[in-house]
């Protein structure tokens, strides 16, 4: 079969197309994954401060819980708009606050609120 396809150059074209398709899929999956993180992690400095205030948590406690330096927490909270930080660092801080009971809202108007407690 390969010899038959090779006589017309079809085999090489199929392999080239296959390789191009794999590269295309890898690039687009990575871009989509990055876009998802960017969408998920649009948090402002004011949201971080508000989340901490709702929980009554000090910056040092948030730094310990999220395993991030206190200077990083201070810098993140100083942003007036979206926080310019490494995605992994911001994700750690967000997870620590969510685990403590805060929910981040990004539906047109960014905000935070306490999670509802499950009723028994």
Protein backbone atom coordinates (compact mmCIF):
# COMPACT_ATOMS: atom_id res chain seq x y z
CA UNK A 1 0.00 0.00 0.00
CA UNK A 2 2.80 2.38 0.95
CA UNK A 3 4.54 1.73 -2.38
CA UNK A 4 1.33 2.46 -4.28
CA UNK A 5 0.82 5.74 -2.41
CA UNK A 6 4.51 6.64 -2.71
CA UNK A 7 4.40 6.32 -6.48
CA UNK A 8 2.02 9.28 -6.56
CA UNK A 9 3.62 11.17 -3.65
CA UNK A 10 0.38 10.73 -1.76
CA UNK A 11 1.99 9.07 1.26
CA UNK A 12 4.33 12.02 1.85
CA UNK A 13 1.47 14.50 1.50
CA UNK A 14 -0.62 12.56 4.02
CA UNK A 15 2.27 12.51 6.50
CA UNK A 16 2.91 16.25 5.98
CA UNK A 17 -0.78 17.03 6.51
CA UNK A 18 -0.86 14.83 9.60
CA UNK A 19 2.19 16.58 11.11
CA UNK A 20 0.76 20.03 10.35
CA UNK A 21 -2.53 19.06 11.97
CA UNK A 22 -0.78 17.88 15.13
CA UNK A 23 1.22 21.13 15.40
CA UNK A 24 -1.97 23.16 14.79
CA UNK A 25 -3.84 21.30 17.54
CA UNK A 26 -1.00 21.64 20.05
CA UNK A 27 -0.72 25.40 19.46
CA UNK A 28 -4.45 26.00 19.68
CA UNK A 29 -4.92 23.86 22.77
CA UNK A 30 -2.15 25.77 24.52
CA UNK A 31 -3.61 29.12 23.48
CA UNK A 32 -7.09 28.08 24.61
CA UNK A 33 -5.72 26.88 27.95
CA UNK A 34 -3.88 30.20 28.43
CA UNK A 35 -7.02 32.15 27.46
CA UNK A 36 -9.01 30.20 30.04
CA UNK A 37 -6.53 31.11 32.78
CA UNK A 38 -6.56 34.76 31.75
CA UNK A 39 -10.38 34.76 31.81
CA UNK A 40 -10.52 33.02 35.16
CA UNK A 41 -7.86 35.14 36.86
CA UNK A 42 -9.05 38.67 36.17
CA UNK A 43 -8.94 39.97 39.73
CA UNK A 44 -8.30 43.53 40.84
CA UNK A 45 -6.33 44.78 43.81
CA UNK A 46 -9.52 46.15 45.32
CA UNK A 47 -11.13 42.71 45.11
CA UNK A 48 -8.22 41.20 47.05
CA UNK A 49 -8.45 43.87 49.75
CA UNK A 50 -12.24 43.46 49.96
CA UNK A 51 -11.96 39.67 50.19
CA UNK A 52 -9.47 39.96 53.02
CA UNK A 53 -11.66 42.50 54.80
CA UNK A 54 -14.73 40.25 54.54
CA UNK A 55 -12.78 37.46 56.17
CA UNK A 56 -11.09 39.71 58.73
CA UNK A 57 -7.74 38.39 57.53
CA UNK A 58 -4.42 40.25 57.80
CA UNK A 59 -1.99 40.40 54.88
CA UNK A 60 0.53 38.24 56.76
CA UNK A 61 -2.07 35.51 57.30
CA UNK A 62 -3.02 35.52 53.60
CA UNK A 63 0.65 35.34 52.69
CA UNK A 64 1.11 32.28 54.91
CA UNK A 65 -2.05 30.54 53.69
CA UNK A 66 -1.23 31.12 50.02
CA UNK A 67 2.53 30.52 50.47
CA UNK A 68 3.34 33.84 48.82
CA UNK A 69 5.65 36.57 50.14
CA UNK A 70 3.99 39.38 52.08
CA UNK A 71 5.56 41.90 49.69
CA UNK A 72 3.81 40.17 46.80
CA UNK A 73 0.45 40.42 48.58
CA UNK A 74 1.06 44.14 49.24
CA UNK A 75 2.04 44.72 45.63
CA UNK A 76 -1.02 42.84 44.33
CA UNK A 77 -3.35 44.86 46.54
CA UNK A 78 -1.78 48.13 45.36
CA UNK A 79 -3.04 47.62 41.78
CA UNK A 80 -5.99 49.86 40.89
CA UNK A 81 -7.05 47.65 37.99
CA UNK A 82 -6.34 44.05 37.09
CA UNK A 83 -3.43 42.54 38.96
CA UNK A 84 -0.27 42.14 36.93
CA UNK A 85 1.25 39.01 38.46
CA UNK A 86 2.29 35.52 37.49
CA UNK A 87 -0.76 33.38 36.87
CA UNK A 88 0.39 30.70 39.32
CA UNK A 89 0.99 33.22 42.12
CA UNK A 90 -2.37 34.91 41.65
CA UNK A 91 -4.03 31.51 41.48
CA UNK A 92 -2.49 30.53 44.84
CA UNK A 93 -3.81 33.69 46.49
CA UNK A 94 -7.24 33.26 44.94
CA UNK A 95 -7.48 29.62 46.06
CA UNK A 96 -6.47 30.54 49.63
CA UNK A 97 -9.19 33.19 49.81
CA UNK A 98 -11.80 30.91 48.26
CA UNK A 99 -10.88 28.13 50.66
CA UNK A 100 -11.36 30.60 53.54
CA UNK A 101 -14.91 31.32 52.32
CA UNK A 102 -14.87 34.11 49.73
CA UNK A 103 -16.34 33.98 46.23
CA UNK A 104 -15.00 36.22 43.43
CA UNK A 105 -17.54 37.78 41.06
CA UNK A 106 -16.60 38.91 37.56
CA UNK A 107 -20.02 39.34 35.94
CA UNK A 108 -19.52 42.73 34.34
CA UNK A 109 -18.90 44.36 37.73
CA UNK A 110 -16.06 42.73 39.65
CA UNK A 111 -16.75 42.07 43.31
CA UNK A 112 -16.48 39.58 46.17
CA UNK A 113 -18.92 38.01 48.59
CA UNK A 114 -18.92 35.42 51.31
CA UNK A 115 -19.89 31.95 50.16
CA UNK A 116 -23.26 30.75 51.32
CA UNK A 117 -23.11 28.28 54.15
CA UNK A 118 -24.75 24.92 53.51
CA UNK A 119 -27.94 24.66 55.57
CA UNK A 120 -28.35 21.54 57.69
